[in-house]
Amino acid sequence: MEETTILAVALDMDGLLLNTEDLYEEVTKELLAKRGKVFKDEVRQRMIGLPAPKAYEVLIESEMLEESWEQLHEETESIFEGILETRLQRLPGVDNTLRAIEKKGLPRCVATSSTKAFAYKALRMVGILEQLDFVVTAEEVARGKPHPDIYYEAAKRMQVPIERMLVLEDSENGTKAGVQAGAYVVSVPNRHTKQGNFHGAQWIAESLLDPRLQRLLG
């Protein structure tokens, strides 16, 4: 592993900072159960890390659903609303990581495939929003992950060379986006994403509590 001096940090949100991947799995299972269908693991894997329109397209195609992605999104958000208040949580190591970034005085942002409205709401609910310089979402760039656009935008806004920007990602699609952008990518898979291909990442962390990550930010 080649060491580098990190000048800024861009963090994914779903499955890295927040337990939203767990919640989305529950919600999508409920959405499909209403239609007499089962949420297949293979389909779930393909959806992770994609912007909402693309993720729903995968679901619609695989399950031959009649609704548009907008209709499914609206229904999903409605179900989600009922569990968000009591179930949304920060994931292990988030506090340590944000403290280390803040202590080092690095610019930091969230770069997420979630919608702008949801990202701001979720990050505000768990008290992370005020710890960031900004949030950039798939809605604000021409192409979502796995394309590199969102990380180009993050580096541009933080005014750092992209190779000196640390990208923390839990998914294969997010990792591809960071690697294609030329960022310093560390992948932090979870139970939903651990089967992914993290080719190009500098290394794969066990969690945000990985000592190598703490050293990198130390």
C-alpha atoms as a PDB file:
ATOM      1  CA  MET A   1       0.000   0.000   0.000  1.00  0.00           C
ATOM      2  CA  GLU A   2       1.407   3.318  -1.051  1.00  0.00           C
ATOM      3  CA  GLU A   3       0.960   6.025   1.556  1.00  0.00           C
ATOM      4  CA  THR A   4      -0.233   9.434   0.502  1.00  0.00           C
ATOM      5  CA  THR A   5      -1.045  12.701   2.233  1.00  0.00           C
ATOM      6  CA  ILE A   6      -4.797  13.056   2.431  1.00  0.00           C
ATOM      7  CA  LEU A   7      -6.064  16.613   1.933  1.00  0.00           C
ATOM      8  CA  ALA A   8      -9.844  16.011   1.954  1.00  0.00           C
ATOM      9  CA  VAL A   9     -12.383  13.247   2.577  1.00  0.00           C
ATOM     10  CA  ALA A  10     -15.517  12.280   0.626  1.00  0.00           C
ATOM     11  CA  LEU A  11     -17.787   9.772   2.327  1.00  0.00           C
ATOM     12  CA  ASP A  12     -20.606   7.673   0.941  1.00  0.00           C
ATOM     13  CA  MET A  13     -23.744   7.685   3.093  1.00  0.00           C
ATOM     14  CA  ASP A  14     -25.907   4.566   2.750  1.00  0.00           C
ATOM     15  CA  GLY A  15     -24.236   1.544   4.310  1.00  0.00           C
ATOM     16  CA  LEU A  16     -21.142   3.513   5.336  1.00  0.00           C
ATOM     17  CA  LEU A  17     -22.396   6.243   7.676  1.00  0.00           C
ATOM     18  CA  LEU A  18     -26.000   5.133   8.158  1.00  0.00           C
ATOM     19  CA  ASN A  19     -27.853   1.819   8.458  1.00  0.00           C
ATOM     20  CA  THR A  20     -30.118   2.763   5.561  1.00  0.00           C
ATOM     21  CA  GLU A  21     -29.144  -0.313   3.510  1.00  0.00           C
ATOM     22  CA  ASP A  22     -30.692  -2.481   6.262  1.00  0.00           C
ATOM     23  CA  LEU A  23     -33.830  -0.344   6.233  1.00  0.00           C
ATOM     24  CA  TYR A  24     -34.105  -0.235   2.437  1.00  0.00           C
ATOM     25  CA  GLU A  25     -33.854  -4.029   2.337  1.00  0.00           C
ATOM     26  CA  GLU A  26     -36.824  -4.301   4.710  1.00  0.00           C
ATOM     27  CA  VAL A  27     -38.831  -1.711   2.805  1.00  0.00           C
ATOM     28  CA  THR A  28     -38.181  -3.253  -0.622  1.00  0.00           C
ATOM     29  CA  LYS A  29     -39.123  -6.688   0.714  1.00  0.00           C
ATOM     30  CA  GLU A  30     -42.424  -5.190   1.877  1.00  0.00           C
ATOM     31  CA  LEU A  31     -42.905  -3.398  -1.452  1.00  0.00           C
ATOM     32  CA  LEU A  32     -42.477  -6.646  -3.405  1.00  0.00           C
ATOM     33  CA  ALA A  33     -44.427  -8.785  -0.923  1.00  0.00           C
ATOM     34  CA  LYS A  34     -47.472  -6.606  -1.644  1.00  0.00           C
ATOM     35  CA  ARG A  35     -47.090  -7.744  -5.245  1.00  0.00           C
ATOM     36  CA  GLY A  36     -46.589 -11.406  -4.379  1.00  0.00           C
ATOM     37  CA  LYS A  37     -42.865 -11.254  -5.136  1.00  0.00           C
ATOM     38  CA  VAL A  38     -39.630 -11.898  -3.238  1.00  0.00           C
ATOM     39  CA  PHE A  39     -36.649  -9.527  -3.068  1.00  0.00           C
ATOM     40  CA  LYS A  40     -33.843 -11.666  -4.502  1.00  0.00           C
ATOM     41  CA  ASP A  41     -30.338 -11.177  -3.163  1.00  0.00           C
ATOM     42  CA  GLU A  42     -28.902 -11.038  -6.690  1.00  0.00           C
ATOM     43  CA  VAL A  43     -31.212  -8.131  -7.547  1.00  0.00           C
ATOM     44  CA  ARG A  44     -30.418  -6.332  -4.286  1.00  0.00           C
ATOM     45  CA  GLN A  45     -26.693  -6.606  -5.010  1.00  0.00           C
ATOM     46  CA  ARG A  46     -27.149  -4.998  -8.432  1.00  0.00           C
ATOM     47  CA  MET A  47     -29.163  -2.109  -6.986  1.00  0.00           C
ATOM     48  CA  ILE A  48     -26.730  -1.091  -4.239  1.00  0.00           C
ATOM     49  CA  GLY A  49     -24.903   2.165  -4.849  1.00  0.00           C
ATOM     50  CA  LEU A  50     -26.915   3.165  -7.928  1.00  0.00           C
ATOM     51  CA  PRO A  51     -28.877   6.427  -8.166  1.00  0.00           C
ATOM     52  CA  ALA A  52     -32.613   5.914  -7.496  1.00  0.00           C
ATOM     53  CA  PRO A  53     -33.793   5.867 -11.150  1.00  0.00           C
ATOM     54  CA  LYS A  54     -31.203   3.240 -12.113  1.00  0.00           C
ATOM     55  CA  ALA A  55     -31.790   1.137  -8.987  1.00  0.00           C
ATOM     56  CA  TYR A  56     -35.539   1.039  -9.583  1.00  0.00           C
ATOM     57  CA  GLU A  57     -34.970   0.199 -13.257  1.00  0.00           C
ATOM     58  CA  VAL A  58     -33.078  -2.913 -12.119  1.00  0.00           C
ATOM     59  CA  LEU A  59     -36.011  -3.842  -9.857  1.00  0.00           C
ATOM     60  CA  ILE A  60     -38.663  -3.142 -12.505  1.00  0.00           C
ATOM     61  CA  GLU A  61     -36.850  -5.166 -15.149  1.00  0.00           C
ATOM     62  CA  SER A  62     -36.014  -8.140 -12.944  1.00  0.00           C
ATOM     63  CA  GLU A  63     -39.504  -8.419 -11.434  1.00  0.00           C
ATOM     64  CA  MET A  64     -41.457  -7.203 -14.493  1.00  0.00           C
ATOM     65  CA  LEU A  65     -43.216  -4.513 -12.480  1.00  0.00           C
ATOM     66  CA  GLU A  66     -45.786  -2.285 -14.139  1.00  0.00           C
ATOM     67  CA  GLU A  67     -45.139   0.905 -12.156  1.00  0.00           C
ATOM     68  CA  SER A  68     -42.688   3.636 -13.109  1.00  0.00           C
ATOM     69  CA  TRP A  69     -39.598   4.191 -11.006  1.00  0.00           C
ATOM     70  CA  GLU A  70     -41.173   7.411  -9.696  1.00  0.00           C
ATOM     71  CA  GLN A  71     -44.253   5.540  -8.461  1.00  0.00           C
ATOM     72  CA  LEU A  72     -42.136   2.892  -6.744  1.00  0.00           C
ATOM     73  CA  HIS A  73     -39.921   5.554  -5.211  1.00  0.00           C
ATOM     74  CA  GLU A  74     -42.918   7.394  -3.796  1.00  0.00           C
ATOM     75  CA  GLU A  75     -44.311   4.184  -2.294  1.00  0.00           C
ATOM     76  CA  THR A  76     -40.899   3.252  -0.873  1.00  0.00           C
ATOM     77  CA  GLU A  77     -40.481   6.666   0.736  1.00  0.00           C
ATOM     78  CA  SER A  78     -43.943   6.369   2.274  1.00  0.00           C
ATOM     79  CA  ILE A  79     -43.100   3.014   3.905  1.00  0.00           C
ATOM     80  CA  PHE A  80     -39.659   4.296   4.869  1.00  0.00           C
ATOM     81  CA  GLU A  81     -41.125   7.322   6.616  1.00  0.00           C
ATOM     82  CA  GLY A  82     -42.789   5.058   9.145  1.00  0.00           C
ATOM     83  CA  ILE A  83     -39.543   3.493  10.375  1.00  0.00           C
ATOM     84  CA  LEU A  84     -37.028   6.305   9.903  1.00  0.00           C
ATOM     85  CA  GLU A  85     -37.751   8.135  13.157  1.00  0.00           C
ATOM     86  CA  THR A  86     -37.103   5.113  15.371  1.00  0.00           C
ATOM     87  CA  ARG A  87     -34.737   2.961  13.328  1.00  0.00           C
ATOM     88  CA  LEU A  88     -32.218   5.260  11.616  1.00  0.00           C
ATOM     89  CA  GLN A  89     -28.740   4.966  13.175  1.00  0.00           C
ATOM     90  CA  ARG A  90     -25.107   5.857  12.644  1.00  0.00           C
ATOM     91  CA  LEU A  91     -22.927   2.815  11.912  1.00  0.00           C
ATOM     92  CA  PRO A  92     -19.967   1.730  14.099  1.00  0.00           C
ATOM     93  CA  GLY A  93     -16.864   3.888  13.709  1.00  0.00           C
ATOM     94  CA  VAL A  94     -18.645   6.909  12.233  1.00  0.00           C
ATOM     95  CA  ASP A  95     -18.030   9.082  15.294  1.00  0.00           C
ATOM     96  CA  ASN A  96     -14.318   8.136  15.458  1.00  0.00           C
ATOM     97  CA  THR A  97     -13.848   8.806  11.750  1.00  0.00           C
ATOM     98  CA  LEU A  98     -15.574  12.189  11.765  1.00  0.00           C
ATOM     99  CA  ARG A  99     -13.617  13.210  14.883  1.00  0.00           C
ATOM    100  CA  ALA A 100     -10.317  12.223  13.245  1.00  0.00           C
ATOM    101  CA  ILE A 101     -11.191  14.189  10.079  1.00  0.00           C
ATOM    102  CA  GLU A 102     -12.199  17.215  12.124  1.00  0.00           C
ATOM    103  CA  LYS A 103      -9.096  17.017  14.315  1.00  0.00           C
ATOM    104  CA  LYS A 104      -6.917  17.031  11.217  1.00  0.00           C
ATOM    105  CA  GLY A 105      -8.879  20.008   9.837  1.00  0.00           C
ATOM    106  CA  LEU A 106      -9.659  18.335   6.531  1.00  0.00           C
ATOM    107  CA  PRO A 107     -12.479  19.445   4.233  1.00  0.00           C
ATOM    108  CA  ARG A 108     -15.171  16.737   4.174  1.00  0.00           C
ATOM    109  CA  CYS A 109     -18.361  15.978   2.342  1.00  0.00           C
ATOM    110  CA  VAL A 110     -20.890  13.256   1.714  1.00  0.00           C
ATOM    111  CA  ALA A 111     -21.202  12.052  -1.895  1.00  0.00           C
ATOM    112  CA  THR A 112     -24.315   9.917  -2.188  1.00  0.00           C
ATOM    113  CA  SER A 113     -26.573   8.225  -4.712  1.00  0.00           C
ATOM    114  CA  SER A 114     -29.562   9.043  -2.497  1.00  0.00           C
ATOM    115  CA  THR A 115     -31.837  11.918  -3.404  1.00  0.00           C
ATOM    116  CA  LYS A 116     -30.950  15.359  -2.104  1.00  0.00           C
ATOM    117  CA  ALA A 117     -34.108  15.603   0.018  1.00  0.00           C
ATOM    118  CA  PHE A 118     -33.521  12.231   1.677  1.00  0.00           C
ATOM    119  CA  ALA A 119     -29.781  12.749   2.214  1.00  0.00           C
ATOM    120  CA  TYR A 120     -30.272  16.057   4.003  1.00  0.00           C
ATOM    121  CA  LYS A 121     -33.128  14.693   6.095  1.00  0.00           C
ATOM    122  CA  ALA A 122     -31.278  11.528   7.161  1.00  0.00           C
ATOM    123  CA  LEU A 123     -27.971  13.259   7.890  1.00  0.00           C
ATOM    124  CA  ARG A 124     -29.757  15.963   9.876  1.00  0.00           C
ATOM    125  CA  MET A 125     -31.695  13.387  11.928  1.00  0.00           C
ATOM    126  CA  VAL A 126     -28.514  11.678  13.147  1.00  0.00           C
ATOM    127  CA  GLY A 127     -26.568  14.914  13.670  1.00  0.00           C
ATOM    128  CA  ILE A 128     -24.008  14.407  10.903  1.00  0.00           C
ATOM    129  CA  LEU A 129     -25.099  17.186   8.540  1.00  0.00           C
ATOM    130  CA  GLU A 130     -23.547  19.943  10.641  1.00  0.00           C
ATOM    131  CA  GLN A 131     -20.226  18.065  10.706  1.00  0.00           C
ATOM    132  CA  LEU A 132     -19.880  18.309   6.912  1.00  0.00           C
ATOM    133  CA  ASP A 133     -18.836  21.115   4.592  1.00  0.00           C
ATOM    134  CA  PHE A 134     -21.465  20.071   2.050  1.00  0.00           C
ATOM    135  CA  VAL A 135     -23.419  17.180   0.532  1.00  0.00           C
ATOM    136  CA  VAL A 136     -23.307  16.300  -3.171  1.00  0.00           C
ATOM    137  CA  THR A 137     -25.923  13.935  -4.598  1.00  0.00           C
ATOM    138  CA  ALA A 138     -26.482  12.049  -7.841  1.00  0.00           C
ATOM    139  CA  GLU A 139     -29.098  14.656  -8.788  1.00  0.00           C
ATOM    140  CA  GLU A 140     -26.375  17.290  -9.049  1.00  0.00           C
ATOM    141  CA  VAL A 141     -24.120  15.540 -11.569  1.00  0.00           C
ATOM    142  CA  ALA A 142     -24.626  14.297 -15.130  1.00  0.00           C
ATOM    143  CA  ARG A 143     -24.039  10.617 -14.297  1.00  0.00           C
ATOM    144  CA  GLY A 144     -24.395   8.782 -11.002  1.00  0.00           C
ATOM    145  CA  LYS A 145     -22.179   6.039  -9.607  1.00  0.00           C
ATOM    146  CA  PRO A 146     -20.467   3.876 -10.901  1.00  0.00           C
ATOM    147  CA  HIS A 147     -19.458   6.844 -13.097  1.00  0.00           C
ATOM    148  CA  PRO A 148     -16.849   9.132 -11.489  1.00  0.00           C
ATOM    149  CA  ASP A 149     -18.753  12.428 -11.878  1.00  0.00           C
ATOM    150  CA  ILE A 150     -19.818  12.780  -8.236  1.00  0.00           C
ATOM    151  CA  TYR A 151     -16.217  12.474  -7.019  1.00  0.00           C
ATOM    152  CA  TYR A 152     -14.914  14.936  -9.599  1.00  0.00           C
ATOM    153  CA  GLU A 153     -17.508  17.356  -8.253  1.00  0.00           C
ATOM    154  CA  ALA A 154     -16.531  16.651  -4.627  1.00  0.00           C
ATOM    155  CA  ALA A 155     -12.836  17.301  -5.294  1.00  0.00           C
ATOM    156  CA  LYS A 156     -13.662  20.439  -7.267  1.00  0.00           C
ATOM    157  CA  ARG A 157     -15.769  21.876  -4.442  1.00  0.00           C
ATOM    158  CA  MET A 158     -13.133  21.035  -1.822  1.00  0.00           C
ATOM    159  CA  GLN A 159     -10.416  22.474  -4.104  1.00  0.00           C
ATOM    160  CA  VAL A 160      -8.004  19.555  -3.754  1.00  0.00           C
ATOM    161  CA  PRO A 161      -6.185  17.340  -6.292  1.00  0.00           C
ATOM    162  CA  ILE A 162      -8.413  14.313  -6.659  1.00  0.00           C
ATOM    163  CA  GLU A 163      -5.580  11.858  -5.986  1.00  0.00           C
ATOM    164  CA  ARG A 164      -5.236  13.432  -2.523  1.00  0.00           C
ATOM    165  CA  MET A 165      -8.926  13.014  -1.719  1.00  0.00           C
ATOM    166  CA  LEU A 166      -9.812   9.986   0.402  1.00  0.00           C
ATOM    167  CA  VAL A 167     -13.021   8.290  -0.733  1.00  0.00           C
ATOM    168  CA  LEU A 168     -14.704   5.920   1.710  1.00  0.00           C
ATOM    169  CA  GLU A 169     -17.186   3.575   0.026  1.00  0.00           C
ATOM    170  CA  ASP A 170     -19.047   0.434   1.032  1.00  0.00           C
ATOM    171  CA  SER A 171     -20.272  -0.709  -2.391  1.00  0.00           C
ATOM    172  CA  GLU A 172     -18.830  -2.011  -5.644  1.00  0.00           C
ATOM    173  CA  ASN A 173     -20.502   0.759  -7.661  1.00  0.00           C
ATOM    174  CA  GLY A 174     -19.211   3.449  -5.324  1.00  0.00           C
ATOM    175  CA  THR A 175     -15.722   1.992  -5.334  1.00  0.00           C
ATOM    176  CA  LYS A 176     -15.719   1.978  -9.143  1.00  0.00           C
ATOM    177  CA  ALA A 177     -16.747   5.638  -9.144  1.00  0.00           C
ATOM    178  CA  GLY A 178     -13.939   6.654  -6.810  1.00  0.00           C
ATOM    179  CA  VAL A 179     -11.310   4.569  -8.582  1.00  0.00           C
ATOM    180  CA  GLN A 180     -12.310   5.882 -12.019  1.00  0.00           C
ATOM    181  CA  ALA A 181     -12.097   9.418 -10.669  1.00  0.00           C
ATOM    182  CA  GLY A 182      -8.509   8.780  -9.559  1.00  0.00           C
ATOM    183  CA  ALA A 183      -9.192   9.280  -5.839  1.00  0.00           C
ATOM    184  CA  TYR A 184      -7.520   7.430  -2.970  1.00  0.00           C
ATOM    185  CA  VAL A 185     -10.249   4.853  -2.333  1.00  0.00           C
ATOM    186  CA  VAL A 186     -10.697   2.695   0.740  1.00  0.00           C
ATOM    187  CA  SER A 187     -13.601   0.251   0.568  1.00  0.00           C
ATOM    188  CA  VAL A 188     -15.524  -0.573   3.745  1.00  0.00           C
ATOM    189  CA  PRO A 189     -17.939  -3.384   2.816  1.00  0.00           C
ATOM    190  CA  ASN A 190     -20.881  -4.417   4.994  1.00  0.00           C
ATOM    191  CA  ARG A 191     -23.048  -7.551   5.000  1.00  0.00           C
ATOM    192  CA  HIS A 192     -24.963  -6.246   1.993  1.00  0.00           C
ATOM    193  CA  THR A 193     -21.905  -5.477  -0.127  1.00  0.00           C
ATOM    194  CA  LYS A 194     -19.123  -7.834   0.999  1.00  0.00           C
ATOM    195  CA  GLN A 195     -19.511 -10.035  -2.100  1.00  0.00           C
ATOM    196  CA  GLY A 196     -18.689  -7.070  -4.372  1.00  0.00           C
ATOM    197  CA  ASN A 197     -15.634  -6.477  -6.507  1.00  0.00           C
ATOM    198  CA  PHE A 198     -13.493  -3.750  -4.936  1.00  0.00           C
ATOM    199  CA  HIS A 199     -10.779  -3.796  -7.568  1.00  0.00           C
ATOM    200  CA  GLY A 200      -8.714  -0.636  -7.576  1.00  0.00           C
ATOM    201  CA  ALA A 201      -9.277   0.264  -3.927  1.00  0.00           C
ATOM    202  CA  GLN A 202      -6.098   0.939  -1.963  1.00  0.00           C
ATOM    203  CA  TRP A 203      -7.301  -1.608   0.561  1.00  0.00           C
ATOM    204  CA  ILE A 204     -10.451  -3.076   2.077  1.00  0.00           C
ATOM    205  CA  ALA A 205     -11.248  -2.134   5.671  1.00  0.00           C
ATOM    206  CA  GLU A 206     -13.097  -4.381   8.116  1.00  0.00           C
ATOM    207  CA  SER A 207     -15.094  -1.355   9.284  1.00  0.00           C
ATOM    208  CA  LEU A 208     -14.592   2.355   9.930  1.00  0.00           C
ATOM    209  CA  LEU A 209     -12.811   1.255  13.113  1.00  0.00           C
ATOM    210  CA  ASP A 210      -9.995  -0.322  11.053  1.00  0.00           C
ATOM    211  CA  PRO A 211      -6.687   0.831  12.619  1.00  0.00           C
ATOM    212  CA  ARG A 212      -5.211   1.502   9.147  1.00  0.00           C
ATOM    213  CA  LEU A 213      -7.900   4.077   8.523  1.00  0.00           C
ATOM    214  CA  GLN A 214      -7.289   5.724  11.862  1.00  0.00           C
ATOM    215  CA  ARG A 215      -3.551   5.879  11.057  1.00  0.00           C
ATOM    216  CA  LEU A 216      -4.255   7.378   7.634  1.00  0.00           C
ATOM    217  CA  LEU A 217      -6.337  10.099   9.269  1.00  0.00           C
ATOM    218  CA  GLY A 218      -4.036  10.430  12.298  1.00  0.00           C
END
